[in-house]
Amino acid sequence: MDDPVVPRWLYWTPRVLAILFAVFISIFALDVFGEHYPPGQLIVALAMHLVPTLLVALALFVAWRWELIGALLFLGLGAYYVATSWGHFRWDTYVIIAGPLALVGVLFLLGWLRRMGPTTRR
């Protein structure tokens, strides 16, 4: 990544934060091991709990190549979480889950805007 238009921190920060967030939400999937499911149901339950991690990983995969689409995906994931779970949790839960998604989305958007700004000739 030797793009003179986008600083290294703006390139790497959203990517690293997205990876860290995927690891963070994966931790919540571990609660299925305390439920004493039979092995078949345990695998299904674990897979279901890892769907959010898969969505974040897919969004990161897209964002790595197409920052604008990735920014929209991350912002959309944050908005979707808030819209579908509104009223079920305290406000800080929304900040902890949707906040990092929104931050990553904004950082990808800033990187894209910086790359597509008036200094580039694409």
Foldseek 3Di string as FASTA:
>chain_A
DPDPQFDPCLLCVLLVLLVVLLVVQLVVLVVLVVVPDPPVVSVVSSVVSSVVSVQSVVLSVVCNPVLLSSLVSLLVVLVVVCVVCPPVDDPVVSCVNSVSSNVSSVSSVVRVCSQPDPVDDD
